[in-house]
């Protein structure tokens, strides 16, 4: 893994973990407000913050392939195996 690839993937992971953290904290704080003050849950807000956390998890999983695509390296270009000739 080259240095630019490591840097870009680290940036993707940092953003992704931030999305997960913020989404989870907002849902937790909403639930705490609901329990402490006895108010209703803001269900649309919880759904939106949950979607942010899920998108962060998705970005975490796909960060490697997104980095390779951003740098122009295709996943389809695999090196030939021992039994195959290059074309």
PDB file of N, CA and C in Angstrom:
ATOM      1  N   UNK A   1       0.857  -1.173   0.000  1.00  0.00           N
ATOM      2  CA  UNK A   1       0.000   0.000   0.000  1.00  0.00           C
ATOM      3  C   UNK A   1       0.900   1.233   0.000  1.00  0.00           C
ATOM      4  N   UNK A   2       0.693   2.103  -0.977  1.00  0.00           N
ATOM      5  CA  UNK A   2       1.527   3.289  -1.107  1.00  0.00           C
ATOM      6  C   UNK A   2       1.122   4.352  -0.093  1.00  0.00           C
ATOM      7  N   UNK A   3       1.976   5.336   0.052  1.00  0.00           N
ATOM      8  CA  UNK A   3       1.732   6.393   1.031  1.00  0.00           C
ATOM      9  C   UNK A   3       0.475   7.212   0.736  1.00  0.00           C
ATOM     10  N   UNK A   4       0.241   7.645  -0.525  1.00  0.00           N
ATOM     11  CA  UNK A   4      -1.004   8.377  -0.779  1.00  0.00           C
ATOM     12  C   UNK A   4      -2.241   7.517  -0.522  1.00  0.00           C
ATOM     13  N   UNK A   5      -2.136   6.223  -0.832  1.00  0.00           N
ATOM     14  CA  UNK A   5      -3.270   5.333  -0.605  1.00  0.00           C
ATOM     15  C   UNK A   5      -3.558   5.206   0.895  1.00  0.00           C
ATOM     16  N   UNK A   6      -2.518   5.126   1.704  1.00  0.00           N
ATOM     17  CA  UNK A   6      -2.702   5.060   3.155  1.00  0.00           C
ATOM     18  C   UNK A   6      -3.340   6.345   3.686  1.00  0.00           C
ATOM     19  N   UNK A   7      -2.886   7.479   3.177  1.00  0.00           N
ATOM     20  CA  UNK A   7      -3.411   8.755   3.641  1.00  0.00           C
ATOM     21  C   UNK A   7      -4.875   8.943   3.295  1.00  0.00           C
ATOM     22  N   UNK A   8      -5.232   8.596   2.053  1.00  0.00           N
ATOM     23  CA  UNK A   8      -6.621   8.756   1.631  1.00  0.00           C
ATOM     24  C   UNK A   8      -7.520   7.786   2.383  1.00  0.00           C
ATOM     25  N   UNK A   9      -7.059   6.545   2.547  1.00  0.00           N
ATOM     26  CA  UNK A   9      -7.874   5.563   3.279  1.00  0.00           C
ATOM     27  C   UNK A   9      -8.020   5.994   4.739  1.00  0.00           C
ATOM     28  N   UNK A  10      -6.973   6.545   5.331  1.00  0.00           N
ATOM     29  CA  UNK A  10      -7.064   7.023   6.713  1.00  0.00           C
ATOM     30  C   UNK A  10      -8.080   8.159   6.829  1.00  0.00           C
ATOM     31  N   UNK A  11      -8.101   9.031   5.832  1.00  0.00           N
ATOM     32  CA  UNK A  11      -9.077  10.117   5.836  1.00  0.00           C
ATOM     33  C   UNK A  11     -10.501   9.576   5.727  1.00  0.00           C
ATOM     34  N   UNK A  12     -10.708   8.605   4.832  1.00  0.00           N
ATOM     35  CA  UNK A  12     -12.026   7.970   4.725  1.00  0.00           C
ATOM     36  C   UNK A  12     -12.437   7.348   6.057  1.00  0.00           C
ATOM     37  N   UNK A  13     -11.510   6.638   6.703  1.00  0.00           N
ATOM     38  CA  UNK A  13     -11.830   5.984   7.967  1.00  0.00           C
ATOM     39  C   UNK A  13     -12.108   6.985   9.077  1.00  0.00           C
ATOM     40  N   UNK A  14     -11.367   8.085   9.092  1.00  0.00           N
ATOM     41  CA  UNK A  14     -11.594   9.117  10.103  1.00  0.00           C
ATOM     42  C   UNK A  14     -12.984   9.725   9.955  1.00  0.00           C
ATOM     43  N   UNK A  15     -13.373  10.030   8.727  1.00  0.00           N
ATOM     44  CA  UNK A  15     -14.711  10.576   8.471  1.00  0.00           C
ATOM     45  C   UNK A  15     -15.776   9.550   8.828  1.00  0.00           C
ATOM     46  N   UNK A  16     -15.546   8.294   8.461  1.00  0.00           N
ATOM     47  CA  UNK A  16     -16.525   7.241   8.727  1.00  0.00           C
ATOM     48  C   UNK A  16     -16.719   7.027  10.229  1.00  0.00           C
ATOM     49  N   UNK A  17     -15.632   6.960  10.982  1.00  0.00           N
ATOM     50  CA  UNK A  17     -15.755   6.767  12.420  1.00  0.00           C
ATOM     51  C   UNK A  17     -16.416   7.974  13.080  1.00  0.00           C
ATOM     52  N   UNK A  18     -16.153   9.158  12.553  1.00  0.00           N
ATOM     53  CA  UNK A  18     -16.836  10.353  13.065  1.00  0.00           C
ATOM     54  C   UNK A  18     -18.333  10.291  12.823  1.00  0.00           C
ATOM     55  N   UNK A  19     -18.726   9.814  11.636  1.00  0.00           N
ATOM     56  CA  UNK A  19     -20.152   9.681  11.333  1.00  0.00           C
ATOM     57  C   UNK A  19     -20.820   8.689  12.280  1.00  0.00           C
ATOM     58  N   UNK A  20     -20.163   7.559  12.512  1.00  0.00           N
ATOM     59  CA  UNK A  20     -20.725   6.548  13.415  1.00  0.00           C
ATOM     60  C   UNK A  20     -20.815   7.110  14.838  1.00  0.00           C
ATOM     61  N   UNK A  21     -19.768   7.771  15.286  1.00  0.00           N
ATOM     62  CA  UNK A  21     -19.738   8.314  16.639  1.00  0.00           C
ATOM     63  C   UNK A  21     -20.812   9.369  16.840  1.00  0.00           C
ATOM     64  N   UNK A  22     -20.930  10.293  15.918  1.00  0.00           N
ATOM     65  CA  UNK A  22     -21.924  11.357  16.054  1.00  0.00           C
ATOM     66  C   UNK A  22     -23.334  10.790  16.004  1.00  0.00           C
ATOM     67  N   UNK A  23     -23.588   9.871  15.076  1.00  0.00           N
ATOM     68  CA  UNK A  23     -24.912   9.262  14.985  1.00  0.00           C
ATOM     69  C   UNK A  23     -25.288   8.516  16.251  1.00  0.00           C
ATOM     70  N   UNK A  24     -24.355   7.710  16.762  1.00  0.00           N
ATOM     71  CA  UNK A  24     -24.631   6.936  17.969  1.00  0.00           C
ATOM     72  C   UNK A  24     -24.813   7.847  19.189  1.00  0.00           C
ATOM     73  N   UNK A  25     -23.999   8.885  19.305  1.00  0.00           N
ATOM     74  CA  UNK A  25     -24.139   9.813  20.432  1.00  0.00           C
ATOM     75  C   UNK A  25     -25.475  10.557  20.389  1.00  0.00           C
ATOM     76  N   UNK A  26     -25.879  10.987  19.217  1.00  0.00           N
ATOM     77  CA  UNK A  26     -27.154  11.700  19.107  1.00  0.00           C
ATOM     78  C   UNK A  26     -28.331  10.799  19.478  1.00  0.00           C
ATOM     79  N   UNK A  27     -28.290   9.554  19.037  1.00  0.00           N
ATOM     80  CA  UNK A  27     -29.366   8.624  19.406  1.00  0.00           C
ATOM     81  C   UNK A  27     -29.342   8.376  20.912  1.00  0.00           C
ATOM     82  N   UNK A  28     -28.163   8.187  21.469  1.00  0.00           N
ATOM     83  CA  UNK A  28     -28.043   7.989  22.917  1.00  0.00           C
ATOM     84  C   UNK A  28     -28.529   9.192  23.716  1.00  0.00           C
ATOM     85  N   UNK A  29     -28.173  10.380  23.268  1.00  0.00           N
ATOM     86  CA  UNK A  29     -28.628  11.583  23.963  1.00  0.00           C
ATOM     87  C   UNK A  29     -30.134  11.773  23.844  1.00  0.00           C
ATOM     88  N   UNK A  30     -30.695  11.435  22.701  1.00  0.00           N
ATOM     89  CA  UNK A  30     -32.147  11.521  22.524  1.00  0.00           C
ATOM     90  C   UNK A  30     -32.857  10.541  23.450  1.00  0.00           C
ATOM     91  N   UNK A  31     -32.320   9.344  23.568  1.00  0.00           N
ATOM     92  CA  UNK A  31     -32.915   8.353  24.460  1.00  0.00           C
ATOM     93  C   UNK A  31     -32.796   8.801  25.914  1.00  0.00           C
ATOM     94  N   UNK A  32     -31.650   9.379  26.295  1.00  0.00           N
ATOM     95  CA  UNK A  32     -31.467   9.877  27.667  1.00  0.00           C
ATOM     96  C   UNK A  32     -32.441  11.015  27.960  1.00  0.00           C
ATOM     97  N   UNK A  33     -32.644  11.905  26.988  1.00  0.00           N
ATOM     98  CA  UNK A  33     -33.603  12.994  27.179  1.00  0.00           C
ATOM     99  C   UNK A  33     -35.010  12.434  27.359  1.00  0.00           C
ATOM    100  N   UNK A  34     -35.319  11.426  26.596  1.00  0.00           N
ATOM    101  CA  UNK A  34     -36.633  10.776  26.694  1.00  0.00           C
ATOM    102  C   UNK A  34     -36.824  10.161  28.081  1.00  0.00           C
ATOM    103  N   UNK A  35     -35.805   9.480  28.596  1.00  0.00           N
ATOM    104  CA  UNK A  35     -35.919   8.808  29.896  1.00  0.00           C
ATOM    105  C   UNK A  35     -35.916   9.793  31.057  1.00  0.00           C
ATOM    106  N   UNK A  36     -35.104  10.840  30.967  1.00  0.00           N
ATOM    107  CA  UNK A  36     -34.975  11.767  32.091  1.00  0.00           C
ATOM    108  C   UNK A  36     -36.110  12.781  32.171  1.00  0.00           C
ATOM    109  N   UNK A  37     -36.531  13.310  31.030  1.00  0.00           N
ATOM    110  CA  UNK A  37     -37.566  14.337  31.025  1.00  0.00           C
ATOM    111  C   UNK A  37     -38.955  13.772  30.761  1.00  0.00           C
ATOM    112  N   UNK A  38     -39.026  12.539  30.352  1.00  0.00           N
ATOM    113  CA  UNK A  38     -40.317  11.930  30.075  1.00  0.00           C
ATOM    114  C   UNK A  38     -40.978  12.435  28.810  1.00  0.00           C
ATOM    115  N   UNK A  39     -40.211  12.996  27.905  1.00  0.00           N
ATOM    116  CA  UNK A  39     -40.764  13.490  26.644  1.00  0.00           C
ATOM    117  C   UNK A  39     -40.820  12.354  25.626  1.00  0.00           C
ATOM    118  N   UNK A  40     -41.491  12.609  24.519  1.00  0.00           N
ATOM    119  CA  UNK A  40     -41.561  11.611  23.464  1.00  0.00           C
ATOM    120  C   UNK A  40     -40.244  11.559  22.700  1.00  0.00           C
ATOM    121  N   UNK A  41     -39.967  10.364  22.167  1.00  0.00           N
ATOM    122  CA  UNK A  41     -38.781  10.227  21.321  1.00  0.00           C
ATOM    123  C   UNK A  41     -39.020  10.941  19.998  1.00  0.00           C
ATOM    124  N   UNK A  42     -37.991  11.604  19.518  1.00  0.00           N
ATOM    125  CA  UNK A  42     -38.033  12.223  18.193  1.00  0.00           C
ATOM    126  C   UNK A  42     -37.672  11.138  17.187  1.00  0.00           C
ATOM    127  N   UNK A  43     -38.665  10.362  16.779  1.00  0.00           N
ATOM    128  CA  UNK A  43     -38.417   9.208  15.923  1.00  0.00           C
ATOM    129  C   UNK A  43     -37.788   9.582  14.571  1.00  0.00           C
ATOM    130  N   UNK A  44     -38.269  10.621  13.872  1.00  0.00           N
ATOM    131  CA  UNK A  44     -37.593  10.976  12.610  1.00  0.00           C
ATOM    132  C   UNK A  44     -36.129  11.364  12.817  1.00  0.00           C
ATOM    133  N   UNK A  45     -35.854  12.051  13.896  1.00  0.00           N
ATOM    134  CA  UNK A  45     -34.470  12.417  14.194  1.00  0.00           C
ATOM    135  C   UNK A  45     -33.612  11.196  14.477  1.00  0.00           C
ATOM    136  N   UNK A  46     -34.168  10.246  15.237  1.00  0.00           N
ATOM    137  CA  UNK A  46     -33.426   9.012  15.528  1.00  0.00           C
ATOM    138  C   UNK A  46     -33.158   8.227  14.254  1.00  0.00           C
ATOM    139  N   UNK A  47     -34.131   8.198  13.359  1.00  0.00           N
ATOM    140  CA  UNK A  47     -33.945   7.487  12.095  1.00  0.00           C
ATOM    141  C   UNK A  47     -32.849   8.152  11.264  1.00  0.00           C
ATOM    142  N   UNK A  48     -32.842   9.485  11.221  1.00  0.00           N
ATOM    143  CA  UNK A  48     -31.810  10.196  10.449  1.00  0.00           C
ATOM    144  C   UNK A  48     -30.422   9.984  11.047  1.00  0.00           C
ATOM    145  N   UNK A  49     -30.307  10.069  12.370  1.00  0.00           N
ATOM    146  CA  UNK A  49     -29.002   9.863  12.996  1.00  0.00           C
ATOM    147  C   UNK A  49     -28.561   8.411  12.845  1.00  0.00           C
ATOM    148  N   UNK A  50     -29.511   7.484  12.880  1.00  0.00           N
ATOM    149  CA  UNK A  50     -29.180   6.087  12.645  1.00  0.00           C
ATOM    150  C   UNK A  50     -28.693   5.858  11.227  1.00  0.00           C
ATOM    151  N   UNK A  51     -29.326   6.539  10.277  1.00  0.00           N
ATOM    152  CA  UNK A  51     -28.892   6.428   8.878  1.00  0.00           C
ATOM    153  C   UNK A  51     -27.474   6.969   8.719  1.00  0.00           C
ATOM    154  N   UNK A  52     -27.143   8.044   9.432  1.00  0.00           N
ATOM    155  CA  UNK A  52     -25.784   8.581   9.389  1.00  0.00           C
ATOM    156  C   UNK A  52     -24.786   7.559   9.920  1.00  0.00           C
ATOM    157  N   UNK A  53     -25.136   6.893  11.011  1.00  0.00           N
ATOM    158  CA  UNK A  53     -24.244   5.876  11.576  1.00  0.00           C
ATOM    159  C   UNK A  53     -24.082   4.697  10.616  1.00  0.00           C
ATOM    160  N   UNK A  54     -25.159   4.282   9.976  1.00  0.00           N
ATOM    161  CA  UNK A  54     -25.087   3.173   9.023  1.00  0.00           C
ATOM    162  C   UNK A  54     -24.242   3.566   7.807  1.00  0.00           C
ATOM    163  N   UNK A  55     -24.393   4.790   7.329  1.00  0.00           N
ATOM    164  CA  UNK A  55     -23.559   5.254   6.212  1.00  0.00           C
ATOM    165  C   UNK A  55     -22.081   5.286   6.612  1.00  0.00           C
ATOM    166  N   UNK A  56     -21.816   5.647   7.853  1.00  0.00           N
ATOM    167  CA  UNK A  56     -20.439   5.615   8.343  1.00  0.00           C
ATOM    168  C   UNK A  56     -19.877   4.205   8.361  1.00  0.00           C
ATOM    169  N   UNK A  57     -20.688   3.236   8.788  1.00  0.00           N
ATOM    170  CA  UNK A  57     -20.247   1.843   8.763  1.00  0.00           C
ATOM    171  C   UNK A  57     -20.010   1.374   7.337  1.00  0.00           C
ATOM    172  N   UNK A  58     -20.886   1.776   6.430  1.00  0.00           N
ATOM    173  CA  UNK A  58     -20.729   1.411   5.026  1.00  0.00           C
ATOM    174  C   UNK A  58     -19.449   2.013   4.448  1.00  0.00           C
ATOM    175  N   UNK A  59     -19.159   3.248   4.799  1.00  0.00           N
ATOM    176  CA  UNK A  59     -17.927   3.886   4.339  1.00  0.00           C
ATOM    177  C   UNK A  59     -16.707   3.196   4.928  1.00  0.00           C
ATOM    178  N   UNK A  60     -16.797   2.735   6.160  1.00  0.00           N
ATOM    179  CA  UNK A  60     -15.693   2.001   6.774  1.00  0.00           C
ATOM    180  C   UNK A  60     -15.393   0.720   6.003  1.00  0.00           C
ATOM    181  N   UNK A  61     -16.448   0.001   5.648  1.00  0.00           N
ATOM    182  CA  UNK A  61     -16.274  -1.268   4.946  1.00  0.00           C
ATOM    183  C   UNK A  61     -15.733  -1.061   3.533  1.00  0.00           C
ATOM    184  N   UNK A  62     -16.182  -0.023   2.854  1.00  0.00           N
ATOM    185  CA  UNK A  62     -15.810   0.179   1.456  1.00  0.00           C
ATOM    186  C   UNK A  62     -14.649   1.149   1.260  1.00  0.00           C
ATOM    187  N   UNK A  63     -13.994   1.564   2.317  1.00  0.00           N
ATOM    188  CA  UNK A  63     -12.944   2.580   2.186  1.00  0.00           C
ATOM    189  C   UNK A  63     -11.780   2.106   1.316  1.00  0.00           C
ATOM    190  N   UNK A  64     -11.426   0.840   1.399  1.00  0.00           N
ATOM    191  CA  UNK A  64     -10.315   0.332   0.593  1.00  0.00           C
ATOM    192  C   UNK A  64     -10.600   0.385  -0.894  1.00  0.00           C
ATOM    193  N   UNK A  65     -11.777  -0.087  -1.285  1.00  0.00           N
ATOM    194  CA  UNK A  65     -12.103  -0.078  -2.720  1.00  0.00           C
ATOM    195  C   UNK A  65     -12.343   1.343  -3.216  1.00  0.00           C
ATOM    196  N   UNK A  66     -12.920   2.203  -2.385  1.00  0.00           N
ATOM    197  CA  UNK A  66     -13.106   3.606  -2.786  1.00  0.00           C
ATOM    198  C   UNK A  66     -11.762   4.292  -3.003  1.00  0.00           C
ATOM    199  N   UNK A  67     -10.802   3.982  -2.162  1.00  0.00           N
ATOM    200  CA  UNK A  67      -9.464   4.564  -2.306  1.00  0.00           C
ATOM    201  C   UNK A  67      -8.819   4.115  -3.610  1.00  0.00           C
ATOM    202  N   UNK A  68      -8.913   2.815  -3.907  1.00  0.00           N
ATOM    203  CA  UNK A  68      -8.323   2.316  -5.149  1.00  0.00           C
ATOM    204  C   UNK A  68      -9.001   2.934  -6.366  1.00  0.00           C
ATOM    205  N   UNK A  69     -10.317   3.097  -6.324  1.00  0.00           N
ATOM    206  CA  UNK A  69     -11.022   3.710  -7.452  1.00  0.00           C
ATOM    207  C   UNK A  69     -10.651   5.178  -7.598  1.00  0.00           C
ATOM    208  N   UNK A  70     -10.477   5.867  -6.472  1.00  0.00           N
ATOM    209  CA  UNK A  70     -10.112   7.273  -6.514  1.00  0.00           C
ATOM    210  C   UNK A  70      -8.720   7.458  -7.121  1.00  0.00           C
ATOM    211  N   UNK A  71      -7.822   6.524  -6.835  1.00  0.00           N
ATOM    212  CA  UNK A  71      -6.463   6.615  -7.361  1.00  0.00           C
ATOM    213  C   UNK A  71      -6.338   6.015  -8.756  1.00  0.00           C
ATOM    214  N   UNK A  72      -7.422   5.454  -9.284  1.00  0.00           N
ATOM    215  CA  UNK A  72      -7.401   4.934 -10.645  1.00  0.00           C
ATOM    216  C   UNK A  72      -6.963   3.497 -10.765  1.00  0.00           C
ATOM    217  N   UNK A  73      -6.868   2.788  -9.677  1.00  0.00           N
ATOM    218  CA  UNK A  73      -6.497   1.378  -9.722  1.00  0.00           C
ATOM    219  C   UNK A  73      -7.788   0.567  -9.675  1.00  0.00           C
ATOM    220  N   UNK A  74      -8.024  -0.242 -10.727  1.00  0.00           N
ATOM    221  CA  UNK A  74      -9.248  -1.031 -10.795  1.00  0.00           C
ATOM    222  C   UNK A  74      -9.085  -2.335 -10.048  1.00  0.00           C
ATOM    223  N   UNK A  75     -10.200  -2.790  -9.436  1.00  0.00           N
ATOM    224  CA  UNK A  75     -10.193  -4.089  -8.775  1.00  0.00           C
ATOM    225  C   UNK A  75     -10.195  -5.220  -9.793  1.00  0.00           C
ATOM    226  N   UNK A  76     -10.667  -4.943 -11.013  1.00  0.00           N
ATOM    227  CA  UNK A  76     -10.787  -5.982 -12.026  1.00  0.00           C
ATOM    228  C   UNK A  76      -9.443  -6.378 -12.626  1.00  0.00           C
ATOM    229  N   UNK A  77      -8.457  -5.526 -12.498  1.00  0.00           N
ATOM    230  CA  UNK A  77      -7.153  -5.797 -13.085  1.00  0.00           C
ATOM    231  C   UNK A  77      -6.309  -6.633 -12.128  1.00  0.00           C
ATOM    232  N   UNK A  78      -6.572  -7.939 -12.101  1.00  0.00           N
ATOM    233  CA  UNK A  78      -5.823  -8.834 -11.245  1.00  0.00           C
ATOM    234  C   UNK A  78      -4.610  -9.356 -12.009  1.00  0.00           C
ATOM    235  N   UNK A  79      -3.513  -9.592 -11.326  1.00  0.00           N
ATOM    236  CA  UNK A  79      -2.351 -10.149 -12.019  1.00  0.00           C
ATOM    237  C   UNK A  79      -2.657 -11.576 -12.452  1.00  0.00           C
ATOM    238  N   UNK A  80      -2.038 -12.027 -13.554  1.00  0.00           N
ATOM    239  CA  UNK A  80      -2.325 -13.381 -14.021  1.00  0.00           C
ATOM    240  C   UNK A  80      -1.791 -14.421 -13.044  1.00  0.00           C
ATOM    241  N   UNK A  81      -2.489 -15.535 -12.957  1.00  0.00           N
ATOM    242  CA  UNK A  81      -2.027 -16.617 -12.096  1.00  0.00           C
ATOM    243  C   UNK A  81      -0.949 -17.407 -12.820  1.00  0.00           C
ATOM    244  N   UNK A  82      -0.373 -18.395 -12.181  1.00  0.00           N
ATOM    245  CA  UNK A  82       0.742 -19.148 -12.762  1.00  0.00           C
ATOM    246  C   UNK A  82       0.338 -19.905 -14.020  1.00  0.00           C
ATOM    247  N   UNK A  83      -0.896 -20.377 -14.099  1.00  0.00           N
ATOM    248  CA  UNK A  83      -1.327 -21.175 -15.221  1.00  0.00           C
ATOM    249  C   UNK A  83      -1.798 -20.353 -16.418  1.00  0.00           C
ATOM    250  N   UNK A  84      -1.934 -19.046 -16.280  1.00  0.00           N
ATOM    251  CA  UNK A  84      -2.450 -18.208 -17.360  1.00  0.00           C
ATOM    252  C   UNK A  84      -1.342 -17.360 -17.953  1.00  0.00           C
ATOM    253  N   UNK A  85      -1.496 -17.052 -19.227  1.00  0.00           N
ATOM    254  CA  UNK A  85      -0.543 -16.171 -19.898  1.00  0.00           C
ATOM    255  C   UNK A  85      -1.115 -14.763 -19.934  1.00  0.00           C
ATOM    256  N   UNK A  86      -0.224 -13.775 -19.964  1.00  0.00           N
ATOM    257  CA  UNK A  86      -0.688 -12.389 -20.101  1.00  0.00           C
ATOM    258  C   UNK A  86      -1.148 -12.163 -21.523  1.00  0.00           C
ATOM    259  N   UNK A  87      -2.173 -11.341 -21.690  1.00  0.00           N
ATOM    260  CA  UNK A  87      -2.697 -11.066 -23.027  1.00  0.00           C
ATOM    261  C   UNK A  87      -2.412  -9.646 -23.408  1.00  0.00           C
TER     262      UNK A  87
END
